[in-house]
Amino acid sequence: ARLKSYIDICAELGLYSIVDWHIIEHMGNSGDPMDYIKEATEFFEEISTYAKEKGYMHVIYDICNEPSGVNWKGIKEYAEEILPIIETNDPGAIVIIGTPNWCQKITDPITNPINAYDYNLGIMYSFHYYACNHYHLLGDLKACVKSIPVYVSEWTSGEYDYSNETACES
């Protein structure tokens, strides 16, 4: 109910609303989205149905944020189960799909992308960048944006664990 009210508020304000299904390996939780496929299926069925019933066009679905301990093949398999649910209820919506290693291995979908033509959705792939830790990943990002749609949902000049909020050491 709270999430739906936030979606309503964003609609009233003319803002996009990103619905984020966070998959993060932390405190005993798995980073593999397939471990939560039942819950994710129910969640995206309910939220995309709500968006359809309300006639909303501002909802963006981030279906698998920060997966870890799973390869791209497993993430793609998960996405291919969730995408038809969203497509049925909210055709044309933008869907962000996380990439392996906490959204750092952005190159994996280049060789094995989800066939966007199979879905009436705007599919993008998520990338997270923390300058102090991920400078070496900029080449991957540069290569990917020429081949696949990328959504950089986290970007900062600091450390990924926020331990150094000032500039990085060279």
N, C-alpha and C. Protein backbone atom coordinates (compact mmCIF):
# COMPACT_ATOMS: atom_id res chain seq x y z
N ALA A 1 0.83 -1.19 0.00
CA ALA A 1 0.00 0.00 0.00
C ALA A 1 0.87 1.25 0.00
N ARG A 2 1.97 1.21 0.76
CA ARG A 2 2.85 2.39 0.83
C ARG A 2 3.48 2.65 -0.53
N LEU A 3 3.96 1.60 -1.18
CA LEU A 3 4.58 1.78 -2.50
C LEU A 3 3.58 2.36 -3.50
N LYS A 4 2.38 1.85 -3.49
CA LYS A 4 1.35 2.37 -4.39
C LYS A 4 1.07 3.85 -4.11
N SER A 5 1.07 4.23 -2.84
CA SER A 5 0.84 5.65 -2.52
C SER A 5 2.00 6.51 -3.04
N TYR A 6 3.23 5.99 -2.99
CA TYR A 6 4.36 6.74 -3.53
C TYR A 6 4.27 6.86 -5.05
N ILE A 7 3.82 5.81 -5.70
CA ILE A 7 3.61 5.86 -7.15
C ILE A 7 2.56 6.92 -7.48
N ASP A 8 1.49 6.97 -6.68
CA ASP A 8 0.44 7.98 -6.86
C ASP A 8 1.00 9.39 -6.68
N ILE A 9 1.81 9.59 -5.65
CA ILE A 9 2.40 10.91 -5.40
C ILE A 9 3.27 11.34 -6.57
N CYS A 10 4.09 10.42 -7.07
CA CYS A 10 4.93 10.75 -8.23
C CYS A 10 4.08 11.13 -9.43
N ALA A 11 2.97 10.43 -9.63
CA ALA A 11 2.08 10.76 -10.74
C ALA A 11 1.53 12.17 -10.59
N GLU A 12 1.12 12.51 -9.39
CA GLU A 12 0.57 13.85 -9.13
C GLU A 12 1.61 14.94 -9.38
N LEU A 13 2.87 14.63 -9.09
CA LEU A 13 3.95 15.62 -9.24
C LEU A 13 4.58 15.61 -10.63
N GLY A 14 4.16 14.67 -11.47
CA GLY A 14 4.73 14.57 -12.81
C GLY A 14 6.14 13.99 -12.81
N LEU A 15 6.42 13.10 -11.87
CA LEU A 15 7.74 12.49 -11.75
C LEU A 15 7.70 11.02 -12.16
N TYR A 16 8.83 10.53 -12.64
CA TYR A 16 8.96 9.09 -12.84
C TYR A 16 9.05 8.40 -11.50
N SER A 17 8.63 7.17 -11.45
CA SER A 17 8.71 6.37 -10.24
C SER A 17 9.45 5.08 -10.59
N ILE A 18 10.61 4.88 -9.98
CA ILE A 18 11.37 3.65 -10.21
C ILE A 18 11.02 2.66 -9.10
N VAL A 19 10.47 1.53 -9.50
CA VAL A 19 10.13 0.46 -8.58
C VAL A 19 11.31 -0.51 -8.59
N ASP A 20 12.03 -0.57 -7.49
CA ASP A 20 13.31 -1.27 -7.39
C ASP A 20 13.16 -2.55 -6.59
N TRP A 21 13.36 -3.69 -7.26
CA TRP A 21 13.40 -4.99 -6.58
C TRP A 21 14.88 -5.28 -6.33
N HIS A 22 15.30 -5.01 -5.12
CA HIS A 22 16.72 -5.09 -4.76
C HIS A 22 17.10 -6.52 -4.39
N ILE A 23 18.08 -7.06 -5.10
CA ILE A 23 18.62 -8.38 -4.81
C ILE A 23 20.06 -8.14 -4.36
N ILE A 24 20.32 -8.31 -3.10
CA ILE A 24 21.69 -8.07 -2.64
C ILE A 24 22.08 -9.14 -1.63
N GLU A 25 23.24 -9.70 -1.86
CA GLU A 25 23.77 -10.71 -0.96
C GLU A 25 24.27 -9.99 0.29
N HIS A 26 23.51 -10.14 1.37
CA HIS A 26 23.84 -9.41 2.59
C HIS A 26 23.13 -10.07 3.77
N MET A 27 23.82 -10.21 4.85
CA MET A 27 23.26 -10.75 6.09
C MET A 27 22.52 -12.06 5.86
N GLY A 28 23.12 -12.95 5.12
CA GLY A 28 22.54 -14.27 4.88
C GLY A 28 21.58 -14.36 3.72
N ASN A 29 21.26 -13.24 3.09
CA ASN A 29 20.37 -13.27 1.93
C ASN A 29 21.17 -13.59 0.68
N SER A 30 20.57 -14.29 -0.22
CA SER A 30 21.19 -14.65 -1.49
C SER A 30 21.15 -13.46 -2.45
N GLY A 31 22.14 -13.38 -3.32
CA GLY A 31 22.16 -12.37 -4.37
C GLY A 31 21.64 -12.90 -5.69
N ASP A 32 21.12 -14.12 -5.70
CA ASP A 32 20.61 -14.76 -6.91
C ASP A 32 19.10 -14.48 -7.03
N PRO A 33 18.69 -13.76 -8.06
CA PRO A 33 17.27 -13.40 -8.16
C PRO A 33 16.33 -14.61 -8.29
N MET A 34 16.82 -15.73 -8.81
CA MET A 34 15.95 -16.90 -8.94
C MET A 34 15.54 -17.45 -7.58
N ASP A 35 16.30 -17.12 -6.54
CA ASP A 35 15.91 -17.56 -5.20
C ASP A 35 14.66 -16.85 -4.71
N TYR A 36 14.27 -15.78 -5.40
CA TYR A 36 13.10 -14.98 -4.99
C TYR A 36 12.08 -14.87 -6.13
N ILE A 37 12.12 -15.80 -7.07
CA ILE A 37 11.27 -15.69 -8.26
C ILE A 37 9.78 -15.68 -7.89
N LYS A 38 9.36 -16.47 -6.92
CA LYS A 38 7.95 -16.51 -6.54
C LYS A 38 7.51 -15.14 -6.01
N GLU A 39 8.29 -14.57 -5.10
CA GLU A 39 7.95 -13.27 -4.53
C GLU A 39 8.00 -12.17 -5.59
N ALA A 40 9.02 -12.22 -6.45
CA ALA A 40 9.16 -11.21 -7.51
C ALA A 40 7.99 -11.29 -8.49
N THR A 41 7.59 -12.50 -8.84
CA THR A 41 6.46 -12.68 -9.75
C THR A 41 5.20 -12.05 -9.16
N GLU A 42 4.92 -12.33 -7.90
CA GLU A 42 3.74 -11.77 -7.25
C GLU A 42 3.84 -10.24 -7.17
N PHE A 43 5.02 -9.74 -6.80
CA PHE A 43 5.22 -8.31 -6.66
C PHE A 43 5.00 -7.57 -7.97
N PHE A 44 5.66 -8.03 -9.05
CA PHE A 44 5.55 -7.33 -10.32
C PHE A 44 4.17 -7.52 -10.95
N GLU A 45 3.50 -8.61 -10.66
CA GLU A 45 2.11 -8.78 -11.11
C GLU A 45 1.24 -7.71 -10.45
N GLU A 46 1.39 -7.55 -9.15
CA GLU A 46 0.56 -6.58 -8.42
C GLU A 46 0.86 -5.14 -8.84
N ILE A 47 2.13 -4.78 -8.90
CA ILE A 47 2.49 -3.39 -9.20
C ILE A 47 2.18 -3.03 -10.65
N SER A 48 2.48 -3.92 -11.59
CA SER A 48 2.20 -3.60 -13.00
C SER A 48 0.70 -3.58 -13.27
N THR A 49 -0.06 -4.41 -12.57
CA THR A 49 -1.52 -4.37 -12.67
C THR A 49 -2.05 -3.04 -12.13
N TYR A 50 -1.49 -2.60 -11.02
CA TYR A 50 -1.88 -1.32 -10.43
C TYR A 50 -1.61 -0.17 -11.42
N ALA A 51 -0.42 -0.18 -12.02
CA ALA A 51 -0.07 0.87 -13.00
C ALA A 51 -1.06 0.85 -14.17
N LYS A 52 -1.43 -0.35 -14.62
CA LYS A 52 -2.38 -0.47 -15.73
C LYS A 52 -3.76 0.06 -15.33
N GLU A 53 -4.25 -0.34 -14.15
CA GLU A 53 -5.56 0.08 -13.68
C GLU A 53 -5.66 1.60 -13.54
N LYS A 54 -4.56 2.22 -13.12
CA LYS A 54 -4.54 3.67 -12.92
C LYS A 54 -4.21 4.44 -14.20
N GLY A 55 -3.81 3.73 -15.24
CA GLY A 55 -3.45 4.38 -16.49
C GLY A 55 -2.11 5.11 -16.41
N TYR A 56 -1.26 4.69 -15.50
CA TYR A 56 0.03 5.34 -15.31
C TYR A 56 1.02 5.00 -16.41
N MET A 57 1.81 5.99 -16.78
CA MET A 57 2.86 5.80 -17.79
C MET A 57 4.22 6.22 -17.24
N HIS A 58 4.31 6.45 -15.94
CA HIS A 58 5.53 6.99 -15.33
C HIS A 58 6.31 5.96 -14.50
N VAL A 59 5.86 4.71 -14.49
CA VAL A 59 6.51 3.70 -13.66
C VAL A 59 7.61 3.01 -14.45
N ILE A 60 8.81 2.99 -13.86
CA ILE A 60 9.97 2.28 -14.41
C ILE A 60 10.25 1.11 -13.47
N TYR A 61 10.46 -0.05 -14.04
CA TYR A 61 10.65 -1.25 -13.24
C TYR A 61 12.13 -1.65 -13.23
N ASP A 62 12.75 -1.65 -12.06
CA ASP A 62 14.12 -2.13 -11.88
C ASP A 62 13.97 -3.52 -11.25
N ILE A 63 13.99 -4.54 -12.09
CA ILE A 63 13.54 -5.87 -11.66
C ILE A 63 14.59 -6.70 -10.92
N CYS A 64 15.82 -6.24 -10.91
CA CYS A 64 16.87 -7.09 -10.34
C CYS A 64 18.09 -6.23 -10.02
N ASN A 65 17.99 -5.40 -9.00
CA ASN A 65 19.06 -4.46 -8.68
C ASN A 65 20.13 -5.14 -7.81
N GLU A 66 21.35 -5.09 -8.25
CA GLU A 66 22.55 -5.57 -7.55
C GLU A 66 22.62 -7.08 -7.32
N PRO A 67 22.36 -7.87 -8.34
CA PRO A 67 22.54 -9.31 -8.15
C PRO A 67 24.02 -9.65 -7.94
N SER A 68 24.27 -10.68 -7.17
CA SER A 68 25.65 -11.13 -6.95
C SER A 68 25.65 -12.63 -6.72
N GLY A 69 26.80 -13.24 -6.95
CA GLY A 69 26.90 -14.68 -6.78
C GLY A 69 26.14 -15.45 -7.84
N VAL A 70 25.84 -14.79 -8.95
CA VAL A 70 25.10 -15.40 -10.04
C VAL A 70 25.64 -14.84 -11.36
N ASN A 71 25.67 -15.67 -12.37
CA ASN A 71 26.18 -15.21 -13.67
C ASN A 71 25.04 -14.61 -14.51
N TRP A 72 25.41 -14.03 -15.64
CA TRP A 72 24.42 -13.38 -16.50
C TRP A 72 23.36 -14.36 -16.98
N LYS A 73 23.73 -15.59 -17.26
CA LYS A 73 22.75 -16.58 -17.71
C LYS A 73 21.61 -16.72 -16.70
N GLY A 74 21.96 -16.77 -15.41
CA GLY A 74 20.93 -16.89 -14.36
C GLY A 74 20.07 -15.64 -14.26
N ILE A 75 20.68 -14.48 -14.39
CA ILE A 75 19.92 -13.22 -14.34
C ILE A 75 18.99 -13.13 -15.54
N LYS A 76 19.49 -13.49 -16.70
CA LYS A 76 18.68 -13.45 -17.92
C LYS A 76 17.48 -14.39 -17.79
N GLU A 77 17.70 -15.58 -17.25
CA GLU A 77 16.61 -16.54 -17.05
C GLU A 77 15.53 -15.93 -16.14
N TYR A 78 15.95 -15.29 -15.07
CA TYR A 78 15.02 -14.62 -14.17
C TYR A 78 14.25 -13.52 -14.91
N ALA A 79 14.98 -12.67 -15.63
CA ALA A 79 14.35 -11.57 -16.36
C ALA A 79 13.32 -12.08 -17.36
N GLU A 80 13.63 -13.16 -18.02
CA GLU A 80 12.71 -13.70 -19.03
C GLU A 80 11.45 -14.29 -18.42
N GLU A 81 11.44 -14.49 -17.10
CA GLU A 81 10.20 -14.88 -16.42
C GLU A 81 9.41 -13.66 -15.95
N ILE A 82 10.11 -12.59 -15.60
CA ILE A 82 9.45 -11.39 -15.08
C ILE A 82 8.95 -10.48 -16.21
N LEU A 83 9.70 -10.37 -17.29
CA LEU A 83 9.34 -9.44 -18.38
C LEU A 83 7.94 -9.67 -18.95
N PRO A 84 7.51 -10.91 -19.21
CA PRO A 84 6.16 -11.09 -19.75
C PRO A 84 5.05 -10.60 -18.81
N ILE A 85 5.29 -10.66 -17.51
CA ILE A 85 4.31 -10.18 -16.54
C ILE A 85 4.12 -8.68 -16.71
N ILE A 86 5.23 -7.96 -16.76
CA ILE A 86 5.16 -6.50 -16.90
C ILE A 86 4.60 -6.14 -18.27
N GLU A 87 5.04 -6.85 -19.30
CA GLU A 87 4.56 -6.56 -20.66
C GLU A 87 3.04 -6.72 -20.76
N THR A 88 2.51 -7.75 -20.14
CA THR A 88 1.06 -7.99 -20.18
C THR A 88 0.29 -6.84 -19.55
N ASN A 89 0.79 -6.35 -18.43
CA ASN A 89 0.06 -5.34 -17.67
C ASN A 89 0.43 -3.90 -18.00
N ASP A 90 1.68 -3.68 -18.40
CA ASP A 90 2.15 -2.31 -18.63
C ASP A 90 3.02 -2.27 -19.89
N PRO A 91 2.42 -2.60 -21.05
CA PRO A 91 3.21 -2.63 -22.28
C PRO A 91 3.85 -1.28 -22.58
N GLY A 92 5.07 -1.33 -23.06
CA GLY A 92 5.80 -0.12 -23.39
C GLY A 92 6.59 0.46 -22.23
N ALA A 93 6.46 -0.14 -21.05
CA ALA A 93 7.17 0.37 -19.87
C ALA A 93 8.68 0.19 -20.04
N ILE A 94 9.43 0.99 -19.31
CA ILE A 94 10.88 0.84 -19.25
C ILE A 94 11.21 -0.14 -18.14
N VAL A 95 12.07 -1.10 -18.46
CA VAL A 95 12.50 -2.10 -17.49
C VAL A 95 14.02 -2.11 -17.43
N ILE A 96 14.55 -1.96 -16.22
CA ILE A 96 15.99 -2.00 -15.99
C ILE A 96 16.33 -3.38 -15.44
N ILE A 97 17.36 -3.99 -16.01
CA ILE A 97 17.78 -5.32 -15.60
C ILE A 97 19.20 -5.23 -15.05
N GLY A 98 19.38 -5.69 -13.82
CA GLY A 98 20.69 -5.68 -13.19
C GLY A 98 21.66 -6.62 -13.89
N THR A 99 22.92 -6.34 -13.71
CA THR A 99 23.99 -7.16 -14.30
C THR A 99 24.81 -7.77 -13.17
N PRO A 100 25.58 -8.82 -13.45
CA PRO A 100 26.30 -9.53 -12.40
C PRO A 100 27.27 -8.65 -11.60
N ASN A 101 27.59 -9.16 -10.43
CA ASN A 101 28.59 -8.54 -9.56
C ASN A 101 28.16 -7.14 -9.12
N TRP A 102 26.94 -7.04 -8.57
CA TRP A 102 26.39 -5.77 -8.08
C TRP A 102 26.29 -4.72 -9.19
N CYS A 103 25.92 -5.16 -10.38
CA CYS A 103 25.73 -4.28 -11.55
C CYS A 103 27.04 -3.67 -12.03
N GLN A 104 28.11 -4.43 -11.94
CA GLN A 104 29.41 -3.96 -12.41
C GLN A 104 29.84 -4.66 -13.71
N LYS A 105 29.37 -5.88 -13.95
CA LYS A 105 29.77 -6.63 -15.15
C LYS A 105 28.81 -6.32 -16.29
N ILE A 106 28.91 -5.12 -16.77
CA ILE A 106 27.99 -4.62 -17.80
C ILE A 106 28.24 -5.24 -19.17
N THR A 107 29.38 -5.83 -19.38
CA THR A 107 29.69 -6.40 -20.70
C THR A 107 28.97 -7.72 -20.97
N ASP A 108 28.54 -8.42 -19.94
CA ASP A 108 27.92 -9.73 -20.14
C ASP A 108 26.71 -9.70 -21.09
N PRO A 109 25.80 -8.73 -20.99
CA PRO A 109 24.65 -8.72 -21.91
C PRO A 109 25.00 -8.41 -23.37
N ILE A 110 26.20 -7.94 -23.65
CA ILE A 110 26.55 -7.64 -25.04
C ILE A 110 26.53 -8.91 -25.88
N THR A 111 27.11 -9.98 -25.37
CA THR A 111 27.19 -11.22 -26.14
C THR A 111 25.93 -12.08 -26.03
N ASN A 112 25.10 -11.79 -25.03
CA ASN A 112 23.90 -12.59 -24.82
C ASN A 112 22.76 -11.70 -24.32
N PRO A 113 22.36 -10.70 -25.14
CA PRO A 113 21.32 -9.78 -24.68
C PRO A 113 19.94 -10.44 -24.66
N ILE A 114 19.06 -9.83 -23.92
CA ILE A 114 17.66 -10.23 -23.97
C ILE A 114 17.11 -9.65 -25.26
N ASN A 115 16.42 -10.44 -26.02
CA ASN A 115 15.90 -9.97 -27.30
C ASN A 115 14.73 -9.02 -27.04
N ALA A 116 15.04 -7.74 -27.08
CA ALA A 116 14.03 -6.71 -26.80
C ALA A 116 12.85 -6.79 -27.77
N TYR A 117 13.06 -7.35 -28.94
CA TYR A 117 11.98 -7.45 -29.92
C TYR A 117 10.95 -8.50 -29.53
N ASP A 118 11.29 -9.35 -28.55
CA ASP A 118 10.33 -10.32 -28.04
C ASP A 118 9.33 -9.68 -27.09
N TYR A 119 9.63 -8.47 -26.66
CA TYR A 119 8.80 -7.79 -25.66
C TYR A 119 8.46 -6.38 -26.14
N ASN A 120 7.29 -5.93 -25.74
CA ASN A 120 6.90 -4.55 -26.03
C ASN A 120 7.28 -3.70 -24.81
N LEU A 121 8.59 -3.69 -24.52
CA LEU A 121 9.13 -2.99 -23.36
C LEU A 121 10.42 -2.29 -23.75
N GLY A 122 10.77 -1.25 -23.03
CA GLY A 122 12.06 -0.60 -23.20
C GLY A 122 13.05 -1.23 -22.23
N ILE A 123 13.89 -2.12 -22.70
CA ILE A 123 14.83 -2.84 -21.84
C ILE A 123 16.16 -2.12 -21.77
N MET A 124 16.64 -1.92 -20.53
CA MET A 124 17.95 -1.30 -20.29
C MET A 124 18.70 -2.18 -19.30
N TYR A 125 20.03 -2.03 -19.28
CA TYR A 125 20.87 -2.81 -18.38
C TYR A 125 21.54 -1.88 -17.38
N SER A 126 21.53 -2.28 -16.12
CA SER A 126 22.01 -1.43 -15.04
C SER A 126 23.52 -1.54 -14.83
N PHE A 127 24.11 -0.38 -14.51
CA PHE A 127 25.54 -0.30 -14.20
C PHE A 127 25.73 0.61 -12.99
N HIS A 128 26.60 0.18 -12.06
CA HIS A 128 26.94 0.98 -10.88
C HIS A 128 28.42 1.31 -10.92
N TYR A 129 28.73 2.56 -10.60
CA TYR A 129 30.12 3.03 -10.69
C TYR A 129 30.50 3.86 -9.47
N TYR A 130 31.56 3.45 -8.81
CA TYR A 130 32.16 4.18 -7.69
C TYR A 130 33.60 4.46 -8.08
N ALA A 131 33.93 5.72 -8.30
CA ALA A 131 35.21 6.11 -8.89
C ALA A 131 36.42 5.56 -8.15
N CYS A 132 36.38 5.55 -6.84
CA CYS A 132 37.54 5.08 -6.09
C CYS A 132 37.78 3.59 -6.26
N ASN A 133 36.76 2.84 -6.58
CA ASN A 133 36.88 1.38 -6.69
C ASN A 133 36.76 0.86 -8.12
N HIS A 134 36.10 1.59 -8.99
CA HIS A 134 35.73 1.04 -10.29
C HIS A 134 36.29 1.78 -11.49
N TYR A 135 37.30 2.56 -11.29
CA TYR A 135 37.87 3.31 -12.41
C TYR A 135 38.19 2.40 -13.58
N HIS A 136 38.65 1.20 -13.27
CA HIS A 136 39.01 0.23 -14.31
C HIS A 136 37.82 -0.24 -15.14
N LEU A 137 36.60 0.06 -14.71
CA LEU A 137 35.40 -0.37 -15.43
C LEU A 137 34.91 0.64 -16.47
N LEU A 138 35.52 1.81 -16.53
CA LEU A 138 35.07 2.83 -17.48
C LEU A 138 35.19 2.36 -18.92
N GLY A 139 36.21 1.61 -19.24
CA GLY A 139 36.36 1.08 -20.60
C GLY A 139 35.22 0.15 -20.96
N ASP A 140 34.80 -0.68 -20.01
CA ASP A 140 33.65 -1.56 -20.24
C ASP A 140 32.39 -0.76 -20.51
N LEU A 141 32.17 0.27 -19.70
CA LEU A 141 30.99 1.12 -19.90
C LEU A 141 31.01 1.78 -21.27
N LYS A 142 32.15 2.31 -21.63
CA LYS A 142 32.28 2.99 -22.93
C LYS A 142 31.98 2.03 -24.08
N ALA A 143 32.46 0.81 -23.99
CA ALA A 143 32.21 -0.19 -25.03
C ALA A 143 30.73 -0.59 -25.08
N CYS A 144 30.11 -0.70 -23.93
CA CYS A 144 28.72 -1.18 -23.87
C CYS A 144 27.72 -0.18 -24.41
N VAL A 145 27.91 1.09 -24.15
CA VAL A 145 26.91 2.06 -24.57
C VAL A 145 26.79 2.14 -26.09
N LYS A 146 27.73 1.56 -26.79
CA LYS A 146 27.66 1.50 -28.25
C LYS A 146 26.80 0.32 -28.72
N SER A 147 26.53 -0.64 -27.81
CA SER A 147 25.84 -1.86 -28.21
C SER A 147 24.50 -2.10 -27.52
N ILE A 148 24.39 -1.68 -26.27
CA ILE A 148 23.17 -1.96 -25.50
C ILE A 148 22.74 -0.69 -24.74
N PRO A 149 21.45 -0.57 -24.43
CA PRO A 149 21.01 0.57 -23.62
C PRO A 149 21.42 0.36 -22.16
N VAL A 150 22.13 1.33 -21.61
CA VAL A 150 22.65 1.24 -20.25
C VAL A 150 22.03 2.32 -19.39
N TYR A 151 21.65 1.95 -18.18
CA TYR A 151 21.13 2.89 -17.20
C TYR A 151 22.09 2.88 -16.02
N VAL A 152 22.75 3.99 -15.77
CA VAL A 152 23.69 4.09 -14.65
C VAL A 152 22.88 4.55 -13.44
N SER A 153 22.54 3.60 -12.59
CA SER A 153 21.66 3.91 -11.47
C SER A 153 22.42 4.27 -10.19
N GLU A 154 23.72 4.07 -10.19
CA GLU A 154 24.56 4.52 -9.08
C GLU A 154 25.86 5.02 -9.67
N TRP A 155 26.27 6.24 -9.26
CA TRP A 155 27.51 6.84 -9.76
C TRP A 155 27.99 7.82 -8.71
N THR A 156 29.22 7.65 -8.24
CA THR A 156 29.74 8.57 -7.25
C THR A 156 31.26 8.68 -7.37
N SER A 157 31.79 9.74 -6.84
CA SER A 157 33.24 9.95 -6.84
C SER A 157 33.90 9.27 -5.66
N GLY A 158 33.15 8.64 -4.79
CA GLY A 158 33.69 8.04 -3.57
C GLY A 158 33.85 6.54 -3.65
N GLU A 159 33.93 5.94 -2.47
CA GLU A 159 34.08 4.49 -2.31
C GLU A 159 32.70 3.82 -2.34
N TYR A 160 32.67 2.55 -2.77
CA TYR A 160 31.40 1.84 -2.81
C TYR A 160 30.82 1.61 -1.41
N ASP A 161 31.66 1.62 -0.38
CA ASP A 161 31.15 1.44 0.98
C ASP A 161 31.05 2.77 1.73
N TYR A 162 31.23 3.87 1.01
CA TYR A 162 31.11 5.23 1.54
C TYR A 162 32.13 5.53 2.65
N SER A 163 33.22 4.75 2.71
CA SER A 163 34.21 4.96 3.75
C SER A 163 35.07 6.19 3.49
N ASN A 164 35.11 6.65 2.25
CA ASN A 164 35.92 7.80 1.91
C ASN A 164 35.06 8.76 1.10
N GLU A 165 34.43 9.68 1.77
CA GLU A 165 33.52 10.61 1.09
C GLU A 165 34.26 11.72 0.35
N THR A 166 35.56 11.84 0.54
CA THR A 166 36.34 12.84 -0.17
C THR A 166 36.92 12.22 -1.44
N ALA A 167 37.75 12.95 -2.09
CA ALA A 167 38.33 12.49 -3.35
C ALA A 167 39.17 11.22 -3.15
N CYS A 168 39.24 10.41 -4.17
CA CYS A 168 40.05 9.19 -4.16
C CYS A 168 41.52 9.53 -4.24
N GLU A 169 42.32 8.63 -3.73
CA GLU A 169 43.75 8.80 -3.93
C GLU A 169 44.08 8.28 -5.31
N SER A 170 44.96 8.92 -6.00
CA SER A 170 45.30 8.55 -7.38
C SER A 170 45.98 7.21 -7.45
